[in-house]
Amino acid sequence: MNLTHIEHLGIAVKSIEESLPYYEQVLGLKCYSVEEVADQKVKTAFFKIGQTKIELLEPTSEESTIAKFIEKRGEGIHHIAFATDNVADALAEAESKGVRLIDKAPRKGAEGLNIAFLHPKSTCSVLTELCEDPNKK
């Protein structure tokens, strides 16, 4: 699997608006993008630090996976995302090594990335996202 770097850390929050002061005023980071991903029932906000991003995830529906995560575990780190040059190949390789897949094929995520998730029951209890920037091909 050709992973190039940590693409981002996903952090579940009840409210992006209420979380922004900590990231901007305390940590000194600048939110450069807020976007709703309707099919995932989530609103995202991104910050960049070095080559890595932090993604805040706010549920837009009580049925979203983020709402369920917050209800069960509270706010906090939700997933780690790794950049790869080919999500489909990375998924096939992971599956061939016995990793349980949440997504059988890449789908569109925030910032126009192709994404797919690996099930935490196969990844040492860490929800793992694979990301591919289709503009970098």
C-alpha atoms as a PDB file:
ATOM      1  CA  MET A   1       0.000   0.000   0.000  1.00  0.00           C
ATOM      2  CA  ASN A   2       1.589   3.254  -1.099  1.00  0.00           C
ATOM      3  CA  LEU A   3       0.745   5.730   1.683  1.00  0.00           C
ATOM      4  CA  THR A   4       2.448   9.106   1.310  1.00  0.00           C
ATOM      5  CA  HIS A   5       1.515  10.986   4.489  1.00  0.00           C
ATOM      6  CA  ILE A   6      -1.179  11.577   7.085  1.00  0.00           C
ATOM      7  CA  GLU A   7      -3.780  13.461   5.082  1.00  0.00           C
ATOM      8  CA  HIS A   8      -5.832  14.564   8.077  1.00  0.00           C
ATOM      9  CA  LEU A   9      -7.148  13.764  11.524  1.00  0.00           C
ATOM     10  CA  GLY A  10     -10.932  13.770  11.776  1.00  0.00           C
ATOM     11  CA  ILE A  11     -12.376  15.188  14.995  1.00  0.00           C
ATOM     12  CA  ALA A  12     -16.078  14.848  15.823  1.00  0.00           C
ATOM     13  CA  VAL A  13     -17.616  18.003  17.303  1.00  0.00           C
ATOM     14  CA  LYS A  14     -21.148  18.987  18.224  1.00  0.00           C
ATOM     15  CA  SER A  15     -20.671  22.464  16.741  1.00  0.00           C
ATOM     16  CA  ILE A  16     -17.985  23.769  14.394  1.00  0.00           C
ATOM     17  CA  GLU A  17     -18.948  27.327  15.322  1.00  0.00           C
ATOM     18  CA  GLU A  18     -18.350  26.629  19.019  1.00  0.00           C
ATOM     19  CA  SER A  19     -15.090  24.769  18.297  1.00  0.00           C
ATOM     20  CA  LEU A  20     -13.497  27.395  16.029  1.00  0.00           C
ATOM     21  CA  PRO A  21     -12.258  29.707  18.828  1.00  0.00           C
ATOM     22  CA  TYR A  22     -10.063  26.941  20.287  1.00  0.00           C
ATOM     23  CA  TYR A  23      -8.436  26.076  16.966  1.00  0.00           C
ATOM     24  CA  GLU A  24      -8.093  29.665  15.750  1.00  0.00           C
ATOM     25  CA  GLN A  25      -7.564  31.754  18.889  1.00  0.00           C
ATOM     26  CA  VAL A  26      -5.774  29.276  21.143  1.00  0.00           C
ATOM     27  CA  LEU A  27      -3.826  27.168  18.631  1.00  0.00           C
ATOM     28  CA  GLY A  28      -3.461  29.950  16.055  1.00  0.00           C
ATOM     29  CA  LEU A  29      -4.657  27.847  13.126  1.00  0.00           C
ATOM     30  CA  LYS A  30      -6.737  29.324  10.304  1.00  0.00           C
ATOM     31  CA  CYS A  31      -9.892  27.625   9.081  1.00  0.00           C
ATOM     32  CA  TYR A  32      -9.569  27.678   5.296  1.00  0.00           C
ATOM     33  CA  SER A  33     -12.677  25.736   4.288  1.00  0.00           C
ATOM     34  CA  VAL A  34     -16.135  24.897   5.610  1.00  0.00           C
ATOM     35  CA  GLU A  35     -18.186  22.510   3.508  1.00  0.00           C
ATOM     36  CA  GLU A  36     -21.262  20.326   3.834  1.00  0.00           C
ATOM     37  CA  VAL A  37     -21.041  16.761   2.560  1.00  0.00           C
ATOM     38  CA  ALA A  38     -24.750  16.045   2.200  1.00  0.00           C
ATOM     39  CA  ASP A  39     -24.572  12.311   1.483  1.00  0.00           C
ATOM     40  CA  GLN A  40     -22.536  11.795   4.663  1.00  0.00           C
ATOM     41  CA  LYS A  41     -24.813  14.104   6.692  1.00  0.00           C
ATOM     42  CA  VAL A  42     -21.864  16.120   7.948  1.00  0.00           C
ATOM     43  CA  LYS A  43     -20.432  19.626   7.846  1.00  0.00           C
ATOM     44  CA  THR A  44     -16.637  19.884   7.789  1.00  0.00           C
ATOM     45  CA  ALA A  45     -14.102  22.576   8.637  1.00  0.00           C
ATOM     46  CA  PHE A  46     -10.434  22.266   7.700  1.00  0.00           C
ATOM     47  CA  PHE A  47      -7.217  23.627   9.170  1.00  0.00           C
ATOM     48  CA  LYS A  48      -3.724  22.975   7.849  1.00  0.00           C
ATOM     49  CA  ILE A  49      -0.653  22.451   9.978  1.00  0.00           C
ATOM     50  CA  GLY A  50       2.439  21.511   7.994  1.00  0.00           C
ATOM     51  CA  GLN A  51       1.453  18.898   5.425  1.00  0.00           C
ATOM     52  CA  THR A  52      -1.353  17.557   7.630  1.00  0.00           C
ATOM     53  CA  LYS A  53      -4.898  18.819   8.000  1.00  0.00           C
ATOM     54  CA  ILE A  54      -7.347  18.725  10.879  1.00  0.00           C
ATOM     55  CA  GLU A  55     -10.946  18.109   9.866  1.00  0.00           C
ATOM     56  CA  LEU A  56     -13.736  19.035  12.260  1.00  0.00           C
ATOM     57  CA  LEU A  57     -16.864  16.970  11.633  1.00  0.00           C
ATOM     58  CA  GLU A  58     -20.251  18.292  12.749  1.00  0.00           C
ATOM     59  CA  PRO A  59     -23.349  16.131  12.226  1.00  0.00           C
ATOM     60  CA  THR A  60     -26.139  17.662  10.145  1.00  0.00           C
ATOM     61  CA  SER A  61     -28.592  14.904  11.040  1.00  0.00           C
ATOM     62  CA  GLU A  62     -29.253  12.755  14.088  1.00  0.00           C
ATOM     63  CA  GLU A  63     -28.883   9.732  11.766  1.00  0.00           C
ATOM     64  CA  SER A  64     -25.333  10.602  10.694  1.00  0.00           C
ATOM     65  CA  THR A  65     -22.444   8.400  11.769  1.00  0.00           C
ATOM     66  CA  ILE A  66     -20.870  11.437  13.446  1.00  0.00           C
ATOM     67  CA  ALA A  67     -24.001  12.077  15.550  1.00  0.00           C
ATOM     68  CA  LYS A  68     -24.005   8.425  16.605  1.00  0.00           C
ATOM     69  CA  PHE A  69     -20.281   8.568  17.384  1.00  0.00           C
ATOM     70  CA  ILE A  70     -20.727  11.661  19.600  1.00  0.00           C
ATOM     71  CA  GLU A  71     -23.734  10.116  21.338  1.00  0.00           C
ATOM     72  CA  LYS A  72     -21.786   6.940  22.115  1.00  0.00           C
ATOM     73  CA  ARG A  73     -18.265   8.292  22.766  1.00  0.00           C
ATOM     74  CA  GLY A  74     -18.515  12.066  23.022  1.00  0.00           C
ATOM     75  CA  GLU A  75     -16.581  14.610  21.016  1.00  0.00           C
ATOM     76  CA  GLY A  76     -13.023  13.768  20.043  1.00  0.00           C
ATOM     77  CA  ILE A  77     -10.796  12.053  17.540  1.00  0.00           C
ATOM     78  CA  HIS A  78     -12.941  10.117  15.086  1.00  0.00           C
ATOM     79  CA  HIS A  79     -10.490   8.840  12.456  1.00  0.00           C
ATOM     80  CA  ILE A  80      -7.061   9.075  10.896  1.00  0.00           C
ATOM     81  CA  ALA A  81      -6.784   9.555   7.139  1.00  0.00           C
ATOM     82  CA  PHE A  82      -3.827   8.530   5.040  1.00  0.00           C
ATOM     83  CA  ALA A  83      -3.052   9.891   1.584  1.00  0.00           C
ATOM     84  CA  THR A  84      -2.457   7.402  -1.198  1.00  0.00           C
ATOM     85  CA  ASP A  85      -2.115   7.757  -4.938  1.00  0.00           C
ATOM     86  CA  ASN A  86      -4.757   5.086  -5.627  1.00  0.00           C
ATOM     87  CA  VAL A  87      -7.576   4.349  -3.166  1.00  0.00           C
ATOM     88  CA  ALA A  88      -8.995   1.475  -5.228  1.00  0.00           C
ATOM     89  CA  ASP A  89      -5.634  -0.329  -5.261  1.00  0.00           C
ATOM     90  CA  ALA A  90      -5.133   0.342  -1.533  1.00  0.00           C
ATOM     91  CA  LEU A  91      -8.590  -1.103  -0.781  1.00  0.00           C
ATOM     92  CA  ALA A  92      -7.863  -4.223  -2.823  1.00  0.00           C
ATOM     93  CA  GLU A  93      -4.539  -4.695  -1.051  1.00  0.00           C
ATOM     94  CA  ALA A  94      -6.067  -4.180   2.393  1.00  0.00           C
ATOM     95  CA  GLU A  95      -8.851  -6.657   1.642  1.00  0.00           C
ATOM     96  CA  SER A  96      -6.337  -9.214   0.320  1.00  0.00           C
ATOM     97  CA  LYS A  97      -4.585  -8.963   3.689  1.00  0.00           C
ATOM     98  CA  GLY A  98      -7.787  -9.727   5.585  1.00  0.00           C
ATOM     99  CA  VAL A  99      -8.822  -6.169   6.470  1.00  0.00           C
ATOM    100  CA  ARG A 100     -12.572  -5.614   6.703  1.00  0.00           C
ATOM    101  CA  LEU A 101     -13.734  -2.787   4.445  1.00  0.00           C
ATOM    102  CA  ILE A 102     -16.480  -0.281   5.168  1.00  0.00           C
ATOM    103  CA  ASP A 103     -16.322   0.949   1.569  1.00  0.00           C
ATOM    104  CA  LYS A 104     -15.833  -1.628  -1.205  1.00  0.00           C
ATOM    105  CA  ALA A 105     -15.059   1.170  -3.690  1.00  0.00           C
ATOM    106  CA  PRO A 106     -13.887   4.780  -3.442  1.00  0.00           C
ATOM    107  CA  ARG A 107     -16.503   7.528  -3.077  1.00  0.00           C
ATOM    108  CA  LYS A 108     -16.391  11.321  -3.094  1.00  0.00           C
ATOM    109  CA  GLY A 109     -15.558  13.047   0.163  1.00  0.00           C
ATOM    110  CA  ALA A 110     -14.842  16.568   1.356  1.00  0.00           C
ATOM    111  CA  GLU A 111     -12.468  18.701  -0.708  1.00  0.00           C
ATOM    112  CA  GLY A 112     -13.230  16.575  -3.777  1.00  0.00           C
ATOM    113  CA  LEU A 113     -11.079  13.690  -2.571  1.00  0.00           C
ATOM    114  CA  ASN A 114     -11.769  10.059  -3.412  1.00  0.00           C
ATOM    115  CA  ILE A 115     -12.129   8.316  -0.055  1.00  0.00           C
ATOM    116  CA  ALA A 116     -12.798   4.931   1.508  1.00  0.00           C
ATOM    117  CA  PHE A 117     -12.863   3.646   5.087  1.00  0.00           C
ATOM    118  CA  LEU A 118     -11.389   0.530   6.667  1.00  0.00           C
ATOM    119  CA  HIS A 119     -13.357  -1.024   9.522  1.00  0.00           C
ATOM    120  CA  PRO A 120     -11.872  -0.403  12.996  1.00  0.00           C
ATOM    121  CA  LYS A 121     -12.415  -4.060  13.931  1.00  0.00           C
ATOM    122  CA  SER A 122      -9.603  -4.815  11.454  1.00  0.00           C
ATOM    123  CA  THR A 123      -7.386  -1.803  12.163  1.00  0.00           C
ATOM    124  CA  CYS A 124      -6.503  -2.012  15.850  1.00  0.00           C
ATOM    125  CA  SER A 125      -9.722  -0.142  16.775  1.00  0.00           C
ATOM    126  CA  VAL A 126      -8.778   2.957  14.761  1.00  0.00           C
ATOM    127  CA  LEU A 127     -11.219   4.048  12.055  1.00  0.00           C
ATOM    128  CA  THR A 128      -8.923   4.486   9.052  1.00  0.00           C
ATOM    129  CA  GLU A 129      -9.666   6.533   5.950  1.00  0.00           C
ATOM    130  CA  LEU A 130      -7.783   6.324   2.681  1.00  0.00           C
ATOM    131  CA  CYS A 131      -7.733   9.507   0.565  1.00  0.00           C
ATOM    132  CA  GLU A 132      -6.741  10.183  -3.027  1.00  0.00           C
ATOM    133  CA  ASP A 133      -6.579  13.597  -4.646  1.00  0.00           C
ATOM    134  CA  PRO A 134      -7.805  13.017  -8.213  1.00  0.00           C
ATOM    135  CA  ASN A 135      -6.236  16.344  -9.259  1.00  0.00           C
ATOM    136  CA  LYS A 136      -2.729  15.068  -8.482  1.00  0.00           C
ATOM    137  CA  LYS A 137      -2.736  12.347 -11.142  1.00  0.00           C
END
